[in-house]
Amino acid sequence: MVGLGLVIWLRPTAVPQELSPKAHATPGAVVPSSTPETPLRVQVTTSRPRPRPVDPKDLDLRYDARGRKHFEALRPEQQADEMAETLRDEAKALDLSLNDVQRCRAFESLAHRGAISPTIASSLAQLLQSSPHAAVRETLSTAVKGRLDQVVLVEALLGRLLADPQEMVRKRAAQSLEERLDDPRIRGAVERASASDSSPFVQDALRRMLQKEVQPSGTRKF
């Protein structure tokens, strides 16, 4: 008897291929692109810390009457910036490792703001008297005009008026002293210089200055 064998051929199971993202996507869904996107930049605005009030004693120490009035008219954040700039200029003005021109710029900036403390005034007067650079002496002589609350500055200007070798320095010193001609000592120095100065240019400027009407001390403007 011949046996019959049943041969069953089984079809191998298909290996699923890796499907693209689009194949898995639900119809109508948006498929994100595989291309890297530009990172989202978020700008965070940080609020500036509220500045601390300036100590009135610090104002009295660093500013003259006109400089303080200007300072107090500023907004709090502007006052903080003003004080920071004053402190930077003070550091430069007192830094003896800097040259005369660099220190002169710092002194000029301080004088412009009325920030002339006794320490700054003393150092400025010393540079005005000792700098070998005529341009520095002339600049400082002009810078302190209207800022003569410190006696040491008046003395330095008198020294430049009577003894500086450069005529423009002598003239600038006299112009800065003009507001104090009601002081007999200062007026006497200007009168002597007007008669004895070696430069006709300076003599003429001083004589015209003396001819102007002088206001009494009580009405002197700063």
N, C-alpha and C. Protein backbone atom coordinates (compact mmCIF):
# COMPACT_ATOMS: atom_id res chain seq x y z
N MET A 1 0.85 -1.18 0.00
CA MET A 1 0.00 0.00 0.00
C MET A 1 0.88 1.22 0.00
N VAL A 2 0.58 1.97 -0.92
CA VAL A 2 1.43 3.14 -1.09
C VAL A 2 0.87 4.26 -0.22
N GLY A 3 1.77 4.79 0.67
CA GLY A 3 1.34 5.89 1.57
C GLY A 3 1.39 7.25 0.86
N LEU A 4 0.44 7.99 1.20
CA LEU A 4 0.40 9.36 0.63
C LEU A 4 0.90 10.35 1.66
N GLY A 5 1.81 11.19 1.25
CA GLY A 5 2.35 12.23 2.16
C GLY A 5 1.80 13.60 1.77
N LEU A 6 1.46 14.33 2.78
CA LEU A 6 0.93 15.68 2.55
C LEU A 6 2.04 16.69 2.86
N VAL A 7 2.37 17.41 1.88
CA VAL A 7 3.42 18.43 2.04
C VAL A 7 2.77 19.81 2.01
N ILE A 8 2.99 20.52 3.08
CA ILE A 8 2.40 21.88 3.18
C ILE A 8 3.52 22.90 3.11
N TRP A 9 3.43 23.72 2.17
CA TRP A 9 4.43 24.78 2.00
C TRP A 9 3.95 26.05 2.74
N LEU A 10 4.75 26.50 3.70
CA LEU A 10 4.38 27.68 4.49
C LEU A 10 5.11 28.91 3.95
N ARG A 11 4.36 29.96 3.71
CA ARG A 11 4.96 31.21 3.20
C ARG A 11 5.59 31.97 4.37
N PRO A 12 6.86 32.29 4.26
CA PRO A 12 7.52 32.99 5.38
C PRO A 12 6.84 34.33 5.69
N THR A 13 6.82 34.59 7.01
CA THR A 13 6.19 35.84 7.45
C THR A 13 7.00 37.06 6.98
N ALA A 14 6.32 37.99 6.42
CA ALA A 14 7.01 39.19 5.88
C ALA A 14 7.53 40.04 7.02
N VAL A 15 8.75 40.42 6.87
CA VAL A 15 9.37 41.29 7.87
C VAL A 15 8.92 42.72 7.61
N PRO A 16 8.27 43.35 8.58
CA PRO A 16 7.78 44.72 8.34
C PRO A 16 8.94 45.68 8.13
N GLN A 17 8.82 46.49 7.14
CA GLN A 17 9.83 47.51 6.85
C GLN A 17 9.61 48.72 7.76
N GLU A 18 10.71 49.48 7.99
CA GLU A 18 10.60 50.67 8.83
C GLU A 18 9.75 51.71 8.10
N LEU A 19 8.75 52.12 8.77
CA LEU A 19 7.81 53.03 8.16
C LEU A 19 8.23 54.47 8.40
N SER A 20 7.97 55.24 7.44
CA SER A 20 8.28 56.67 7.58
C SER A 20 7.26 57.31 8.49
N PRO A 21 7.58 58.44 9.05
CA PRO A 21 6.62 59.12 9.93
C PRO A 21 5.29 59.38 9.25
N LYS A 22 5.32 59.60 7.94
CA LYS A 22 4.08 59.89 7.23
C LYS A 22 3.16 58.69 7.21
N ALA A 23 3.77 57.47 7.22
CA ALA A 23 2.95 56.27 7.15
C ALA A 23 2.15 56.09 8.42
N HIS A 24 2.67 56.54 9.57
CA HIS A 24 1.99 56.38 10.84
C HIS A 24 1.06 57.54 11.15
N ALA A 25 1.16 58.54 10.32
CA ALA A 25 0.41 59.75 10.64
C ALA A 25 -1.07 59.53 10.44
N THR A 26 -1.82 60.11 11.32
CA THR A 26 -3.28 60.07 11.18
C THR A 26 -3.65 61.02 10.06
N PRO A 27 -4.59 60.62 9.23
CA PRO A 27 -4.98 61.52 8.12
C PRO A 27 -5.34 62.89 8.65
N GLY A 28 -4.79 63.88 8.00
CA GLY A 28 -5.08 65.24 8.40
C GLY A 28 -4.13 65.80 9.43
N ALA A 29 -3.27 64.94 10.02
CA ALA A 29 -2.34 65.41 11.05
C ALA A 29 -1.14 66.07 10.40
N VAL A 30 -0.56 67.01 11.09
CA VAL A 30 0.62 67.71 10.59
C VAL A 30 1.85 67.00 11.10
N VAL A 31 2.68 66.56 10.21
CA VAL A 31 3.89 65.82 10.58
C VAL A 31 5.04 66.81 10.67
N PRO A 32 5.70 66.87 11.83
CA PRO A 32 6.82 67.81 11.94
C PRO A 32 7.96 67.42 11.03
N SER A 33 8.60 68.42 10.49
CA SER A 33 9.71 68.18 9.59
C SER A 33 10.90 67.63 10.36
N SER A 34 11.66 66.75 9.69
CA SER A 34 12.85 66.18 10.33
C SER A 34 14.01 67.17 10.31
N THR A 35 13.85 68.28 9.60
CA THR A 35 14.92 69.28 9.54
C THR A 35 14.95 70.06 10.84
N PRO A 36 16.11 70.18 11.48
CA PRO A 36 16.19 70.93 12.75
C PRO A 36 15.67 72.35 12.56
N GLU A 37 14.86 72.80 13.50
CA GLU A 37 14.30 74.13 13.45
C GLU A 37 15.18 75.12 14.20
N THR A 38 15.06 76.37 13.84
CA THR A 38 15.80 77.42 14.54
C THR A 38 15.30 77.55 15.96
N PRO A 39 16.20 77.51 16.96
CA PRO A 39 15.75 77.59 18.35
C PRO A 39 14.98 78.89 18.60
N LEU A 40 13.99 78.79 19.41
CA LEU A 40 13.18 79.95 19.76
C LEU A 40 13.93 80.80 20.76
N ARG A 41 14.17 82.03 20.40
CA ARG A 41 14.90 82.94 21.28
C ARG A 41 13.90 83.76 22.09
N VAL A 42 14.04 83.66 23.36
CA VAL A 42 13.15 84.38 24.26
C VAL A 42 13.95 85.47 24.95
N GLN A 43 13.56 86.70 24.76
CA GLN A 43 14.25 87.82 25.38
C GLN A 43 13.60 88.13 26.72
N VAL A 44 14.41 88.01 27.74
CA VAL A 44 13.90 88.25 29.08
C VAL A 44 14.36 89.63 29.53
N THR A 45 13.43 90.46 29.85
CA THR A 45 13.74 91.81 30.31
C THR A 45 13.80 91.82 31.82
N THR A 46 14.97 92.13 32.32
CA THR A 46 15.13 92.15 33.77
C THR A 46 14.96 93.58 34.26
N SER A 47 14.25 93.73 35.30
CA SER A 47 14.04 95.06 35.87
C SER A 47 15.28 95.51 36.63
N ARG A 48 15.60 96.80 36.50
CA ARG A 48 16.78 97.34 37.16
C ARG A 48 16.49 97.50 38.65
N PRO A 49 17.43 97.05 39.48
CA PRO A 49 17.21 97.21 40.93
C PRO A 49 17.02 98.67 41.28
N ARG A 50 16.14 98.92 42.20
CA ARG A 50 15.88 100.29 42.62
C ARG A 50 17.09 100.84 43.36
N PRO A 51 17.65 101.96 42.90
CA PRO A 51 18.86 102.49 43.53
C PRO A 51 18.58 102.97 44.95
N ARG A 52 19.58 102.84 45.80
CA ARG A 52 19.45 103.33 47.16
C ARG A 52 19.56 104.85 47.18
N PRO A 53 18.82 105.50 48.06
CA PRO A 53 18.92 106.97 48.15
C PRO A 53 20.34 107.38 48.53
N VAL A 54 20.79 108.48 47.97
CA VAL A 54 22.12 108.99 48.26
C VAL A 54 22.10 109.71 49.60
N ASP A 55 23.08 109.45 50.41
CA ASP A 55 23.19 110.09 51.72
C ASP A 55 23.42 111.59 51.52
N PRO A 56 22.58 112.44 52.12
CA PRO A 56 22.78 113.90 51.99
C PRO A 56 24.17 114.34 52.44
N LYS A 57 24.76 113.65 53.42
CA LYS A 57 26.11 114.01 53.85
C LYS A 57 27.12 113.78 52.73
N ASP A 58 26.87 112.76 51.92
CA ASP A 58 27.76 112.48 50.80
C ASP A 58 27.66 113.58 49.75
N LEU A 59 26.46 114.13 49.57
CA LEU A 59 26.29 115.24 48.64
C LEU A 59 27.02 116.48 49.13
N ASP A 60 26.89 116.76 50.43
CA ASP A 60 27.57 117.93 51.00
C ASP A 60 29.08 117.81 50.86
N LEU A 61 29.57 116.58 50.94
CA LEU A 61 31.01 116.35 50.86
C LEU A 61 31.53 116.52 49.44
N ARG A 62 30.74 116.09 48.45
CA ARG A 62 31.26 116.00 47.09
C ARG A 62 30.82 117.13 46.16
N TYR A 63 29.71 117.80 46.45
CA TYR A 63 29.18 118.78 45.51
C TYR A 63 29.09 120.17 46.14
N ASP A 64 29.30 121.18 45.29
CA ASP A 64 29.05 122.54 45.75
C ASP A 64 27.55 122.82 45.63
N ALA A 65 27.13 124.04 45.98
CA ALA A 65 25.70 124.35 46.02
C ALA A 65 25.02 124.16 44.66
N ARG A 66 25.67 124.64 43.60
CA ARG A 66 25.08 124.53 42.26
C ARG A 66 25.09 123.08 41.78
N GLY A 67 26.17 122.36 42.09
CA GLY A 67 26.24 120.95 41.70
C GLY A 67 25.21 120.11 42.42
N ARG A 68 24.99 120.41 43.70
CA ARG A 68 23.98 119.66 44.46
C ARG A 68 22.58 119.93 43.93
N LYS A 69 22.30 121.18 43.58
CA LYS A 69 20.99 121.51 43.05
C LYS A 69 20.72 120.73 41.77
N HIS A 70 21.72 120.63 40.91
CA HIS A 70 21.58 119.85 39.68
C HIS A 70 21.37 118.38 40.01
N PHE A 71 22.12 117.86 40.96
CA PHE A 71 22.03 116.45 41.32
C PHE A 71 20.63 116.11 41.84
N GLU A 72 20.10 116.94 42.71
CA GLU A 72 18.81 116.67 43.32
C GLU A 72 17.66 116.77 42.34
N ALA A 73 17.89 117.43 41.19
CA ALA A 73 16.85 117.53 40.17
C ALA A 73 16.76 116.28 39.30
N LEU A 74 17.72 115.37 39.43
CA LEU A 74 17.75 114.15 38.63
C LEU A 74 16.81 113.10 39.21
N ARG A 75 16.38 112.16 38.36
CA ARG A 75 15.59 111.03 38.83
C ARG A 75 16.49 110.08 39.61
N PRO A 76 15.92 109.22 40.47
CA PRO A 76 16.76 108.33 41.30
C PRO A 76 17.76 107.50 40.51
N GLU A 77 17.33 106.94 39.36
CA GLU A 77 18.26 106.13 38.57
C GLU A 77 19.35 107.00 37.95
N GLN A 78 19.01 108.25 37.60
CA GLN A 78 20.02 109.16 37.07
C GLN A 78 21.00 109.60 38.16
N GLN A 79 20.50 109.74 39.37
CA GLN A 79 21.38 110.08 40.49
C GLN A 79 22.41 108.98 40.72
N ALA A 80 21.97 107.74 40.61
CA ALA A 80 22.89 106.61 40.80
C ALA A 80 23.98 106.64 39.73
N ASP A 81 23.61 106.90 38.48
CA ASP A 81 24.60 106.98 37.40
C ASP A 81 25.54 108.17 37.60
N GLU A 82 24.98 109.29 38.02
CA GLU A 82 25.79 110.49 38.26
C GLU A 82 26.82 110.25 39.36
N MET A 83 26.38 109.62 40.45
CA MET A 83 27.30 109.36 41.55
C MET A 83 28.38 108.37 41.14
N ALA A 84 28.00 107.36 40.36
CA ALA A 84 28.98 106.37 39.89
C ALA A 84 30.03 107.04 39.00
N GLU A 85 29.60 107.96 38.14
CA GLU A 85 30.54 108.67 37.27
C GLU A 85 31.45 109.58 38.09
N THR A 86 30.87 110.21 39.10
CA THR A 86 31.67 111.07 39.97
C THR A 86 32.76 110.27 40.68
N LEU A 87 32.40 109.12 41.18
CA LEU A 87 33.38 108.27 41.88
C LEU A 87 34.48 107.80 40.93
N ARG A 88 34.12 107.48 39.69
CA ARG A 88 35.14 107.06 38.71
C ARG A 88 36.09 108.21 38.40
N ASP A 89 35.53 109.40 38.21
CA ASP A 89 36.38 110.56 37.92
C ASP A 89 37.26 110.92 39.11
N GLU A 90 36.73 110.79 40.30
CA GLU A 90 37.54 111.06 41.49
C GLU A 90 38.74 110.11 41.55
N ALA A 91 38.50 108.85 41.27
CA ALA A 91 39.58 107.86 41.30
C ALA A 91 40.66 108.20 40.27
N LYS A 92 40.24 108.63 39.06
CA LYS A 92 41.21 108.99 38.03
C LYS A 92 41.97 110.27 38.41
N ALA A 93 41.25 111.24 38.95
CA ALA A 93 41.88 112.51 39.29
C ALA A 93 42.95 112.34 40.37
N LEU A 94 42.73 111.41 41.27
CA LEU A 94 43.66 111.21 42.39
C LEU A 94 44.71 110.15 42.10
N ASP A 95 44.64 109.53 40.92
CA ASP A 95 45.58 108.46 40.56
C ASP A 95 46.87 109.08 40.02
N LEU A 96 47.90 109.07 40.83
CA LEU A 96 49.16 109.69 40.44
C LEU A 96 49.92 108.88 39.39
N SER A 97 49.46 107.65 39.09
CA SER A 97 50.11 106.87 38.04
C SER A 97 49.66 107.33 36.65
N LEU A 98 48.60 108.11 36.56
CA LEU A 98 48.14 108.65 35.29
C LEU A 98 48.92 109.92 34.97
N ASN A 99 48.97 110.25 33.68
CA ASN A 99 49.69 111.46 33.30
C ASN A 99 48.84 112.70 33.56
N ASP A 100 49.44 113.87 33.42
CA ASP A 100 48.75 115.12 33.74
C ASP A 100 47.50 115.34 32.88
N VAL A 101 47.59 114.96 31.62
CA VAL A 101 46.45 115.18 30.72
C VAL A 101 45.26 114.32 31.13
N GLN A 102 45.51 113.06 31.47
CA GLN A 102 44.42 112.17 31.90
C GLN A 102 43.78 112.66 33.19
N ARG A 103 44.60 113.08 34.12
CA ARG A 103 44.05 113.59 35.39
C ARG A 103 43.31 114.91 35.15
N CYS A 104 43.82 115.73 34.26
CA CYS A 104 43.18 117.01 33.95
C CYS A 104 41.77 116.78 33.41
N ARG A 105 41.60 115.80 32.56
CA ARG A 105 40.26 115.50 32.02
C ARG A 105 39.30 115.11 33.12
N ALA A 106 39.79 114.33 34.07
CA ALA A 106 38.93 113.92 35.18
C ALA A 106 38.56 115.12 36.05
N PHE A 107 39.53 115.98 36.33
CA PHE A 107 39.25 117.19 37.11
C PHE A 107 38.25 118.09 36.38
N GLU A 108 38.42 118.22 35.07
CA GLU A 108 37.53 119.07 34.29
C GLU A 108 36.10 118.53 34.35
N SER A 109 35.95 117.22 34.26
CA SER A 109 34.62 116.60 34.35
C SER A 109 34.00 116.84 35.71
N LEU A 110 34.78 116.70 36.76
CA LEU A 110 34.28 116.93 38.12
C LEU A 110 33.87 118.38 38.31
N ALA A 111 34.68 119.31 37.83
CA ALA A 111 34.38 120.72 37.98
C ALA A 111 33.12 121.09 37.21
N HIS A 112 32.93 120.48 36.06
CA HIS A 112 31.73 120.75 35.25
C HIS A 112 30.47 120.37 36.01
N ARG A 113 30.52 119.31 36.80
CA ARG A 113 29.36 118.86 37.58
C ARG A 113 29.30 119.48 38.97
N GLY A 114 30.29 120.29 39.31
CA GLY A 114 30.31 120.87 40.65
C GLY A 114 30.67 119.87 41.72
N ALA A 115 31.36 118.80 41.32
CA ALA A 115 31.73 117.75 42.27
C ALA A 115 33.17 117.95 42.72
N ILE A 116 33.41 119.03 43.46
CA ILE A 116 34.76 119.34 43.93
C ILE A 116 34.78 119.27 45.45
N SER A 117 35.15 118.13 45.94
CA SER A 117 35.29 117.95 47.39
C SER A 117 36.58 118.61 47.85
N PRO A 118 36.78 118.81 49.14
CA PRO A 118 38.05 119.38 49.61
C PRO A 118 39.27 118.60 49.13
N THR A 119 39.17 117.28 49.11
CA THR A 119 40.30 116.46 48.64
C THR A 119 40.57 116.71 47.16
N ILE A 120 39.50 116.74 46.36
CA ILE A 120 39.65 116.99 44.92
C ILE A 120 40.19 118.40 44.68
N ALA A 121 39.69 119.38 45.42
CA ALA A 121 40.15 120.76 45.25
C ALA A 121 41.63 120.89 45.55
N SER A 122 42.08 120.24 46.61
CA SER A 122 43.49 120.30 46.97
C SER A 122 44.38 119.67 45.90
N SER A 123 43.94 118.52 45.38
CA SER A 123 44.73 117.83 44.35
C SER A 123 44.71 118.61 43.03
N LEU A 124 43.56 119.19 42.71
CA LEU A 124 43.46 119.99 41.48
C LEU A 124 44.38 121.21 41.56
N ALA A 125 44.37 121.88 42.71
CA ALA A 125 45.22 123.07 42.90
C ALA A 125 46.69 122.71 42.77
N GLN A 126 47.05 121.55 43.29
CA GLN A 126 48.45 121.12 43.20
C GLN A 126 48.86 120.89 41.76
N LEU A 127 47.98 120.24 40.97
CA LEU A 127 48.30 119.99 39.57
C LEU A 127 48.33 121.30 38.79
N LEU A 128 47.43 122.22 39.12
CA LEU A 128 47.40 123.52 38.46
C LEU A 128 48.70 124.29 38.70
N GLN A 129 49.26 124.14 39.86
CA GLN A 129 50.49 124.86 40.19
C GLN A 129 51.74 124.18 39.66
N SER A 130 51.70 122.86 39.52
CA SER A 130 52.95 122.14 39.25
C SER A 130 53.07 121.53 37.86
N SER A 131 52.00 121.41 37.11
CA SER A 131 52.09 120.74 35.81
C SER A 131 52.99 121.52 34.86
N PRO A 132 53.89 120.83 34.17
CA PRO A 132 54.75 121.51 33.20
C PRO A 132 54.04 121.79 31.88
N HIS A 133 52.82 121.29 31.74
CA HIS A 133 52.08 121.45 30.48
C HIS A 133 51.17 122.68 30.55
N ALA A 134 51.44 123.66 29.70
CA ALA A 134 50.65 124.89 29.70
C ALA A 134 49.18 124.61 29.39
N ALA A 135 48.93 123.63 28.51
CA ALA A 135 47.54 123.31 28.16
C ALA A 135 46.77 122.79 29.37
N VAL A 136 47.43 122.02 30.21
CA VAL A 136 46.79 121.50 31.42
C VAL A 136 46.48 122.65 32.37
N ARG A 137 47.44 123.54 32.57
CA ARG A 137 47.23 124.68 33.48
C ARG A 137 46.12 125.60 32.96
N GLU A 138 46.09 125.81 31.66
CA GLU A 138 45.05 126.66 31.08
C GLU A 138 43.67 126.02 31.23
N THR A 139 43.59 124.71 30.96
CA THR A 139 42.30 124.00 31.07
C THR A 139 41.77 124.03 32.50
N LEU A 140 42.65 123.77 33.45
CA LEU A 140 42.21 123.76 34.85
C LEU A 140 41.83 125.17 35.32
N SER A 141 42.56 126.17 34.86
CA SER A 141 42.23 127.55 35.23
C SER A 141 40.83 127.92 34.75
N THR A 142 40.47 127.42 33.57
CA THR A 142 39.13 127.69 33.03
C THR A 142 38.07 126.83 33.70
N ALA A 143 38.42 125.58 34.01
CA ALA A 143 37.45 124.63 34.55
C ALA A 143 36.87 125.06 35.89
N VAL A 144 37.65 125.74 36.71
CA VAL A 144 37.19 126.10 38.05
C VAL A 144 36.42 127.41 38.08
N LYS A 145 36.21 128.03 36.94
CA LYS A 145 35.45 129.27 36.90
C LYS A 145 34.04 129.02 37.44
N GLY A 146 33.63 129.82 38.42
CA GLY A 146 32.32 129.64 39.04
C GLY A 146 32.30 128.56 40.09
N ARG A 147 33.47 127.97 40.40
CA ARG A 147 33.55 126.87 41.38
C ARG A 147 34.56 127.21 42.47
N LEU A 148 34.56 128.45 42.92
CA LEU A 148 35.61 128.91 43.84
C LEU A 148 35.17 128.88 45.30
N ASP A 149 34.37 127.89 45.67
CA ASP A 149 33.99 127.75 47.07
C ASP A 149 35.18 127.32 47.93
N GLN A 150 36.16 126.67 47.30
CA GLN A 150 37.33 126.18 48.03
C GLN A 150 38.45 127.23 47.94
N VAL A 151 38.92 127.67 49.10
CA VAL A 151 39.96 128.71 49.15
C VAL A 151 41.22 128.27 48.42
N VAL A 152 41.54 127.00 48.47
CA VAL A 152 42.76 126.50 47.86
C VAL A 152 42.76 126.74 46.35
N LEU A 153 41.59 126.75 45.74
CA LEU A 153 41.50 127.01 44.30
C LEU A 153 41.76 128.49 44.00
N VAL A 154 41.27 129.36 44.86
CA VAL A 154 41.53 130.79 44.70
C VAL A 154 43.03 131.06 44.79
N GLU A 155 43.68 130.44 45.75
CA GLU A 155 45.13 130.64 45.91
C GLU A 155 45.89 130.14 44.69
N ALA A 156 45.46 129.01 44.14
CA ALA A 156 46.13 128.47 42.96
C ALA A 156 45.96 129.40 41.76
N LEU A 157 44.79 129.97 41.60
CA LEU A 157 44.56 130.90 40.49
C LEU A 157 45.39 132.17 40.65
N LEU A 158 45.48 132.66 41.87
CA LEU A 158 46.32 133.84 42.11
C LEU A 158 47.78 133.56 41.75
N GLY A 159 48.23 132.36 42.09
CA GLY A 159 49.59 131.98 41.75
C GLY A 159 49.81 131.95 40.25
N ARG A 160 48.83 131.45 39.50
CA ARG A 160 48.96 131.40 38.03
C ARG A 160 48.86 132.81 37.44
N LEU A 161 48.02 133.64 38.00
CA LEU A 161 47.87 135.01 37.49
C LEU A 161 49.17 135.80 37.61
N LEU A 162 49.85 135.63 38.72
CA LEU A 162 51.03 136.46 38.99
C LEU A 162 52.34 135.84 38.53
N ALA A 163 52.35 134.51 38.27
CA ALA A 163 53.66 133.90 38.02
C ALA A 163 53.72 132.92 36.86
N ASP A 164 52.61 132.63 36.20
CA ASP A 164 52.69 131.64 35.13
C ASP A 164 53.44 132.20 33.93
N PRO A 165 54.31 131.40 33.31
CA PRO A 165 55.10 131.90 32.17
C PRO A 165 54.28 132.05 30.88
N GLN A 166 53.09 131.45 30.82
CA GLN A 166 52.28 131.51 29.61
C GLN A 166 51.17 132.55 29.77
N GLU A 167 51.08 133.47 28.81
CA GLU A 167 50.11 134.56 28.92
C GLU A 167 48.66 134.08 28.90
N MET A 168 48.35 132.99 28.16
CA MET A 168 46.98 132.51 28.12
C MET A 168 46.55 131.91 29.46
N VAL A 169 47.49 131.31 30.15
CA VAL A 169 47.18 130.79 31.49
C VAL A 169 46.89 131.94 32.44
N ARG A 170 47.69 132.99 32.37
CA ARG A 170 47.46 134.15 33.23
C ARG A 170 46.10 134.79 32.96
N LYS A 171 45.77 134.88 31.68
CA LYS A 171 44.48 135.47 31.32
C LYS A 171 43.33 134.60 31.83
N ARG A 172 43.42 133.27 31.63
CA ARG A 172 42.34 132.37 32.08
C ARG A 172 42.19 132.41 33.59
N ALA A 173 43.30 132.49 34.29
CA ALA A 173 43.24 132.57 35.76
C ALA A 173 42.52 133.85 36.18
N ALA A 174 42.83 134.96 35.53
CA ALA A 174 42.18 136.23 35.86
C ALA A 174 40.68 136.17 35.57
N GLN A 175 40.30 135.55 34.45
CA GLN A 175 38.89 135.45 34.10
C GLN A 175 38.11 134.63 35.12
N SER A 176 38.74 133.60 35.65
CA SER A 176 38.07 132.80 36.67
C SER A 176 37.97 133.53 38.00
N LEU A 177 38.89 134.45 38.24
CA LEU A 177 38.86 135.23 39.48
C LEU A 177 37.94 136.44 39.38
N GLU A 178 37.46 136.73 38.20
CA GLU A 178 36.68 137.95 37.98
C GLU A 178 35.47 138.04 38.90
N GLU A 179 34.81 136.94 39.16
CA GLU A 179 33.61 136.95 40.01
C GLU A 179 33.92 137.31 41.46
N ARG A 180 35.20 137.30 41.82
CA ARG A 180 35.59 137.60 43.20
C ARG A 180 36.34 138.93 43.32
N LEU A 181 36.14 139.81 42.37
CA LEU A 181 36.83 141.09 42.41
C LEU A 181 36.36 141.98 43.56
N ASP A 182 35.26 141.62 44.19
CA ASP A 182 34.82 142.38 45.36
C ASP A 182 35.66 142.07 46.58
N ASP A 183 36.51 141.05 46.48
CA ASP A 183 37.46 140.73 47.54
C ASP A 183 38.68 141.65 47.34
N PRO A 184 38.99 142.50 48.31
CA PRO A 184 40.10 143.46 48.15
C PRO A 184 41.42 142.78 47.79
N ARG A 185 41.69 141.64 48.37
CA ARG A 185 42.96 140.96 48.10
C ARG A 185 43.03 140.51 46.64
N ILE A 186 41.95 139.97 46.13
CA ILE A 186 41.94 139.50 44.74
C ILE A 186 41.97 140.68 43.78
N ARG A 187 41.21 141.71 44.09
CA ARG A 187 41.20 142.90 43.23
C ARG A 187 42.59 143.55 43.19
N GLY A 188 43.25 143.57 44.34
CA GLY A 188 44.59 144.15 44.38
C GLY A 188 45.56 143.36 43.52
N ALA A 189 45.44 142.03 43.52
CA ALA A 189 46.33 141.20 42.71
C ALA A 189 46.08 141.45 41.23
N VAL A 190 44.81 141.58 40.85
CA VAL A 190 44.48 141.83 39.44
C VAL A 190 44.98 143.21 39.02
N GLU A 191 44.86 144.19 39.90
CA GLU A 191 45.34 145.54 39.58
C GLU A 191 46.86 145.55 39.40
N ARG A 192 47.57 144.84 40.26
CA ARG A 192 49.04 144.78 40.12
C ARG A 192 49.41 144.11 38.82
N ALA A 193 48.70 143.04 38.48
CA ALA A 193 49.00 142.33 37.24
C ALA A 193 48.69 143.19 36.02
N SER A 194 47.64 143.98 36.10
CA SER A 194 47.27 144.82 34.95
C SER A 194 48.33 145.88 34.68
N ALA A 195 49.10 146.24 35.71
CA ALA A 195 50.12 147.27 35.55
C ALA A 195 51.50 146.70 35.26
N SER A 196 51.72 145.43 35.66
CA SER A 196 53.08 144.89 35.57
C SER A 196 53.22 143.68 34.65
N ASP A 197 52.13 143.14 34.14
CA ASP A 197 52.25 141.95 33.30
C ASP A 197 53.07 142.25 32.06
N SER A 198 53.89 141.29 31.68
CA SER A 198 54.80 141.49 30.55
C SER A 198 54.09 141.48 29.20
N SER A 199 52.83 141.03 29.18
CA SER A 199 52.11 140.92 27.91
C SER A 199 51.06 142.02 27.78
N PRO A 200 51.14 142.85 26.75
CA PRO A 200 50.10 143.86 26.52
C PRO A 200 48.72 143.23 26.34
N PHE A 201 48.72 142.04 25.78
CA PHE A 201 47.48 141.29 25.58
C PHE A 201 46.80 141.01 26.92
N VAL A 202 47.56 140.56 27.91
CA VAL A 202 47.02 140.27 29.23
C VAL A 202 46.66 141.57 29.95
N GLN A 203 47.52 142.57 29.86
CA GLN A 203 47.25 143.86 30.51
C GLN A 203 45.92 144.44 30.04
N ASP A 204 45.68 144.38 28.76
CA ASP A 204 44.44 144.93 28.21
C ASP A 204 43.22 144.17 28.73
N ALA A 205 43.34 142.84 28.79
CA ALA A 205 42.23 142.02 29.29
C ALA A 205 41.93 142.32 30.75
N LEU A 206 42.98 142.52 31.54
CA LEU A 206 42.79 142.80 32.97
C LEU A 206 42.20 144.18 33.19
N ARG A 207 42.62 145.15 32.42
CA ARG A 207 42.09 146.51 32.58
C ARG A 207 40.61 146.57 32.22
N ARG A 208 40.26 145.88 31.16
CA ARG A 208 38.84 145.84 30.79
C ARG A 208 38.02 145.13 31.85
N MET A 209 38.60 144.13 32.47
CA MET A 209 37.92 143.40 33.54
C MET A 209 37.68 144.30 34.74
N LEU A 210 38.65 145.09 35.10
CA LEU A 210 38.53 145.96 36.26
C LEU A 210 37.53 147.09 36.04
N GLN A 211 37.28 147.45 34.80
CA GLN A 211 36.36 148.52 34.50
C GLN A 211 34.89 148.09 34.62
N LYS A 212 34.67 146.79 34.66
CA LYS A 212 33.30 146.29 34.76
C LYS A 212 32.75 146.58 36.15
N GLU A 213 31.43 146.73 36.19
CA GLU A 213 30.77 146.96 37.48
C GLU A 213 30.86 145.69 38.32
N VAL A 214 31.21 145.83 39.59
CA VAL A 214 31.37 144.69 40.49
C VAL A 214 30.16 144.61 41.40
N GLN A 215 29.56 143.42 41.49
CA GLN A 215 28.43 143.21 42.37
C GLN A 215 28.91 143.02 43.80
N PRO A 216 28.11 143.43 44.79
CA PRO A 216 28.48 143.18 46.19
C PRO A 216 28.55 141.69 46.48
N SER A 217 29.28 141.33 47.54
CA SER A 217 29.48 139.92 47.88
C SER A 217 28.17 139.21 48.10
N GLY A 218 27.20 139.91 48.73
CA GLY A 218 25.93 139.25 49.04
C GLY A 218 25.13 138.86 47.83
N THR A 219 25.43 139.45 46.67
CA THR A 219 24.67 139.12 45.47
C THR A 219 25.50 138.35 44.46
N ARG A 220 26.66 137.88 44.90
CA ARG A 220 27.52 137.12 43.98
C ARG A 220 26.82 135.85 43.58
N LYS A 221 26.88 135.53 42.29
CA LYS A 221 26.22 134.34 41.78
C LYS A 221 27.21 133.23 41.62
N PHE A 222 26.73 131.99 41.99
CA PHE A 222 27.57 130.79 41.83
C PHE A 222 26.87 129.82 40.93
